[in-house]
Amino acid sequence: MIRKISVAFTGGAIGGFVDSFNIWFMGKIGISDLIGLSMKPEFTAPWLYQRMVWSGIWMLLLLLPLLKKKIVLRGCLFSLLPSAMMLFMVLPEMGKGMLGLGFGAVTPLVVIGLNCIYGMIASFWFKSGTT
């Protein structure tokens, strides 16, 4: 069980790193401006650390025995919970309104899309580390 917990957390942390890199990179190369998203975080150690730790904690959901054979679907499904927290709690608390629309109308799609990638990475990592 310790191995499964470790693999789930690590997969989530790696997925969180990729997610963080993606949102930073989108801002850096101008994709965010192109799609009307004003969210352009700075790639700093404290920002990255916090996101990776929370991503690891969220992906402990992979310990649940749901959809074990559907890796992609499982990752996307489990990524909906951190997406909901971001859209309904974190972004509004940052003063960006419900769904983070203060960053732009595409914010919900970007959050859910990038988090789906994060969830898939975590799910593939978990599958490869527990078989």
C-alpha atoms as a PDB file:
ATOM      1  CA  MET A   1       0.000   0.000   0.000  1.00  0.00           C
ATOM      2  CA  ILE A   2       2.897   2.380   0.747  1.00  0.00           C
ATOM      3  CA  ARG A   3       4.153   1.867  -2.799  1.00  0.00           C
ATOM      4  CA  LYS A   4       0.749   2.703  -4.276  1.00  0.00           C
ATOM      5  CA  ILE A   5       0.484   5.871  -2.179  1.00  0.00           C
ATOM      6  CA  SER A   6       3.985   6.900  -3.203  1.00  0.00           C
ATOM      7  CA  VAL A   7       3.368   6.229  -6.888  1.00  0.00           C
ATOM      8  CA  ALA A   8       0.020   8.081  -6.845  1.00  0.00           C
ATOM      9  CA  PHE A   9       1.541  11.122  -5.132  1.00  0.00           C
ATOM     10  CA  THR A  10       4.583  11.153  -7.415  1.00  0.00           C
ATOM     11  CA  GLY A  11       2.436  10.824 -10.539  1.00  0.00           C
ATOM     12  CA  GLY A  12       0.337  13.733  -9.348  1.00  0.00           C
ATOM     13  CA  ALA A  13       3.418  15.845  -8.604  1.00  0.00           C
ATOM     14  CA  ILE A  14       4.877  15.133 -12.047  1.00  0.00           C
ATOM     15  CA  GLY A  15       1.527  15.919 -13.653  1.00  0.00           C
ATOM     16  CA  GLY A  16       1.405  19.117 -11.601  1.00  0.00           C
ATOM     17  CA  PHE A  17       4.835  20.090 -12.874  1.00  0.00           C
ATOM     18  CA  VAL A  18       3.720  19.566 -16.476  1.00  0.00           C
ATOM     19  CA  ASP A  19       0.495  21.494 -15.818  1.00  0.00           C
ATOM     20  CA  SER A  20       2.438  24.374 -14.273  1.00  0.00           C
ATOM     21  CA  PHE A  21       4.934  24.435 -17.108  1.00  0.00           C
ATOM     22  CA  ASN A  22       2.104  24.435 -19.667  1.00  0.00           C
ATOM     23  CA  ILE A  23       0.258  27.424 -18.188  1.00  0.00           C
ATOM     24  CA  TRP A  24       3.517  29.360 -17.759  1.00  0.00           C
ATOM     25  CA  PHE A  25       4.676  28.486 -21.291  1.00  0.00           C
ATOM     26  CA  MET A  26       1.326  29.502 -22.801  1.00  0.00           C
ATOM     27  CA  GLY A  27       1.822  32.955 -21.289  1.00  0.00           C
ATOM     28  CA  LYS A  28       5.479  33.152 -22.227  1.00  0.00           C
ATOM     29  CA  ILE A  29       5.056  32.441 -25.944  1.00  0.00           C
ATOM     30  CA  GLY A  30       1.839  34.409 -26.413  1.00  0.00           C
ATOM     31  CA  ILE A  31      -0.782  31.681 -26.619  1.00  0.00           C
ATOM     32  CA  SER A  32      -2.566  33.163 -23.602  1.00  0.00           C
ATOM     33  CA  ASP A  33      -2.820  36.550 -25.341  1.00  0.00           C
ATOM     34  CA  LEU A  34      -4.016  34.881 -28.526  1.00  0.00           C
ATOM     35  CA  ILE A  35      -6.924  33.146 -26.774  1.00  0.00           C
ATOM     36  CA  GLY A  36      -7.772  36.047 -24.449  1.00  0.00           C
ATOM     37  CA  LEU A  37      -6.391  34.634 -21.215  1.00  0.00           C
ATOM     38  CA  SER A  38      -4.694  37.099 -18.897  1.00  0.00           C
ATOM     39  CA  MET A  39      -3.419  34.397 -16.521  1.00  0.00           C
ATOM     40  CA  LYS A  40       0.357  34.533 -16.912  1.00  0.00           C
ATOM     41  CA  PRO A  41       2.038  33.222 -13.769  1.00  0.00           C
ATOM     42  CA  GLU A  42       5.730  33.631 -13.054  1.00  0.00           C
ATOM     43  CA  PHE A  43       7.623  30.336 -12.964  1.00  0.00           C
ATOM     44  CA  THR A  44       9.001  30.591  -9.423  1.00  0.00           C
ATOM     45  CA  ALA A  45       9.997  27.892  -6.955  1.00  0.00           C
ATOM     46  CA  PRO A  46       7.297  28.722  -4.341  1.00  0.00           C
ATOM     47  CA  TRP A  47       4.555  28.802  -6.984  1.00  0.00           C
ATOM     48  CA  LEU A  48       5.746  25.530  -8.538  1.00  0.00           C
ATOM     49  CA  TYR A  49       6.284  23.759  -5.198  1.00  0.00           C
ATOM     50  CA  GLN A  50       2.784  24.540  -3.962  1.00  0.00           C
ATOM     51  CA  ARG A  51       1.205  23.340  -7.203  1.00  0.00           C
ATOM     52  CA  MET A  52       3.231  20.107  -7.283  1.00  0.00           C
ATOM     53  CA  VAL A  53       2.423  19.234  -3.659  1.00  0.00           C
ATOM     54  CA  TRP A  54      -1.302  19.864  -4.094  1.00  0.00           C
ATOM     55  CA  SER A  55      -1.276  17.973  -7.389  1.00  0.00           C
ATOM     56  CA  GLY A  56       0.295  14.999  -5.634  1.00  0.00           C
ATOM     57  CA  ILE A  57      -2.284  15.112  -2.848  1.00  0.00           C
ATOM     58  CA  TRP A  58      -5.181  15.322  -5.300  1.00  0.00           C
ATOM     59  CA  MET A  59      -3.950  12.312  -7.250  1.00  0.00           C
ATOM     60  CA  LEU A  60      -4.161  10.120  -4.177  1.00  0.00           C
ATOM     61  CA  LEU A  61      -7.624   9.685  -5.683  1.00  0.00           C
ATOM     62  CA  LEU A  62      -5.933   7.136  -7.940  1.00  0.00           C
ATOM     63  CA  LEU A  63      -6.000   4.773  -4.974  1.00  0.00           C
ATOM     64  CA  LEU A  64      -9.753   4.427  -5.495  1.00  0.00           C
ATOM     65  CA  PRO A  65     -10.591   1.262  -7.443  1.00  0.00           C
ATOM     66  CA  LEU A  66     -12.503   3.044 -10.210  1.00  0.00           C
ATOM     67  CA  LEU A  67     -12.018   2.622 -13.971  1.00  0.00           C
ATOM     68  CA  LYS A  68      -8.671   0.885 -13.486  1.00  0.00           C
ATOM     69  CA  LYS A  69      -8.434  -0.214 -17.105  1.00  0.00           C
ATOM     70  CA  LYS A  70      -9.444   3.152 -18.608  1.00  0.00           C
ATOM     71  CA  ILE A  71      -6.309   5.132 -17.846  1.00  0.00           C
ATOM     72  CA  VAL A  72      -7.088   8.260 -19.874  1.00  0.00           C
ATOM     73  CA  LEU A  73     -10.705   8.511 -18.704  1.00  0.00           C
ATOM     74  CA  ARG A  74      -9.637   7.872 -15.115  1.00  0.00           C
ATOM     75  CA  GLY A  75      -7.065  10.650 -15.206  1.00  0.00           C
ATOM     76  CA  CYS A  76      -9.491  13.134 -16.723  1.00  0.00           C
ATOM     77  CA  LEU A  77     -12.257  12.166 -14.306  1.00  0.00           C
ATOM     78  CA  PHE A  78     -10.045  12.543 -11.225  1.00  0.00           C
ATOM     79  CA  SER A  79      -8.731  15.876 -12.519  1.00  0.00           C
ATOM     80  CA  LEU A  80     -12.249  17.329 -12.370  1.00  0.00           C
ATOM     81  CA  LEU A  81     -12.100  17.686  -8.582  1.00  0.00           C
ATOM     82  CA  PRO A  82      -9.011  19.918  -8.489  1.00  0.00           C
ATOM     83  CA  SER A  83     -10.439  21.783 -11.490  1.00  0.00           C
ATOM     84  CA  ALA A  84     -13.653  22.453  -9.565  1.00  0.00           C
ATOM     85  CA  MET A  85     -11.703  23.638  -6.547  1.00  0.00           C
ATOM     86  CA  MET A  86      -9.691  26.001  -8.732  1.00  0.00           C
ATOM     87  CA  LEU A  87     -12.736  27.370 -10.561  1.00  0.00           C
ATOM     88  CA  PHE A  88     -15.113  27.649  -7.590  1.00  0.00           C
ATOM     89  CA  MET A  89     -12.758  28.439  -4.698  1.00  0.00           C
ATOM     90  CA  VAL A  90      -9.196  29.453  -5.559  1.00  0.00           C
ATOM     91  CA  LEU A  91      -9.795  31.813  -8.488  1.00  0.00           C
ATOM     92  CA  PRO A  92     -12.780  33.561  -6.860  1.00  0.00           C
ATOM     93  CA  GLU A  93     -10.702  34.053  -3.692  1.00  0.00           C
ATOM     94  CA  MET A  94      -8.023  35.666  -5.883  1.00  0.00           C
ATOM     95  CA  GLY A  95     -10.643  38.219  -6.932  1.00  0.00           C
ATOM     96  CA  LYS A  96     -11.072  36.772 -10.423  1.00  0.00           C
ATOM     97  CA  GLY A  97     -14.744  35.871 -10.027  1.00  0.00           C
ATOM     98  CA  MET A  98     -16.593  32.607 -10.279  1.00  0.00           C
ATOM     99  CA  LEU A  99     -14.883  30.265 -12.761  1.00  0.00           C
ATOM    100  CA  GLY A 100     -11.961  32.706 -12.880  1.00  0.00           C
ATOM    101  CA  LEU A 101     -13.666  34.670 -15.644  1.00  0.00           C
ATOM    102  CA  GLY A 102     -11.688  37.736 -14.554  1.00  0.00           C
ATOM    103  CA  PHE A 103      -8.764  36.108 -16.381  1.00  0.00           C
ATOM    104  CA  GLY A 104     -10.864  35.735 -19.533  1.00  0.00           C
ATOM    105  CA  ALA A 105     -13.830  33.798 -20.874  1.00  0.00           C
ATOM    106  CA  VAL A 106     -11.659  30.807 -21.820  1.00  0.00           C
ATOM    107  CA  THR A 107     -10.391  30.280 -18.266  1.00  0.00           C
ATOM    108  CA  PRO A 108     -12.694  27.335 -17.435  1.00  0.00           C
ATOM    109  CA  LEU A 109     -11.732  25.540 -20.654  1.00  0.00           C
ATOM    110  CA  VAL A 110      -8.016  26.107 -20.058  1.00  0.00           C
ATOM    111  CA  VAL A 111      -8.201  24.967 -16.427  1.00  0.00           C
ATOM    112  CA  ILE A 112     -10.166  21.821 -17.267  1.00  0.00           C
ATOM    113  CA  GLY A 113      -8.075  21.041 -20.363  1.00  0.00           C
ATOM    114  CA  LEU A 114      -4.687  21.456 -18.705  1.00  0.00           C
ATOM    115  CA  ASN A 115      -5.862  19.606 -15.610  1.00  0.00           C
ATOM    116  CA  CYS A 116      -7.050  16.745 -17.812  1.00  0.00           C
ATOM    117  CA  ILE A 117      -3.507  16.449 -19.176  1.00  0.00           C
ATOM    118  CA  TYR A 118      -2.191  16.505 -15.592  1.00  0.00           C
ATOM    119  CA  GLY A 119      -4.648  13.770 -14.610  1.00  0.00           C
ATOM    120  CA  MET A 120      -3.704  11.585 -17.575  1.00  0.00           C
ATOM    121  CA  ILE A 121       0.003  11.890 -16.764  1.00  0.00           C
ATOM    122  CA  ALA A 122      -0.657  10.959 -13.150  1.00  0.00           C
ATOM    123  CA  SER A 123      -2.873   8.051 -14.189  1.00  0.00           C
ATOM    124  CA  PHE A 124      -0.292   6.657 -16.629  1.00  0.00           C
ATOM    125  CA  TRP A 125       2.449   7.033 -13.983  1.00  0.00           C
ATOM    126  CA  PHE A 126       0.271   5.223 -11.430  1.00  0.00           C
ATOM    127  CA  LYS A 127      -0.544   2.412 -13.842  1.00  0.00           C
ATOM    128  CA  SER A 128       3.103   1.911 -14.800  1.00  0.00           C
ATOM    129  CA  GLY A 129       4.264   1.982 -11.177  1.00  0.00           C
ATOM    130  CA  THR A 130       1.701  -0.424  -9.774  1.00  0.00           C
ATOM    131  CA  THR A 131       1.691  -3.214 -12.358  1.00  0.00           C
END
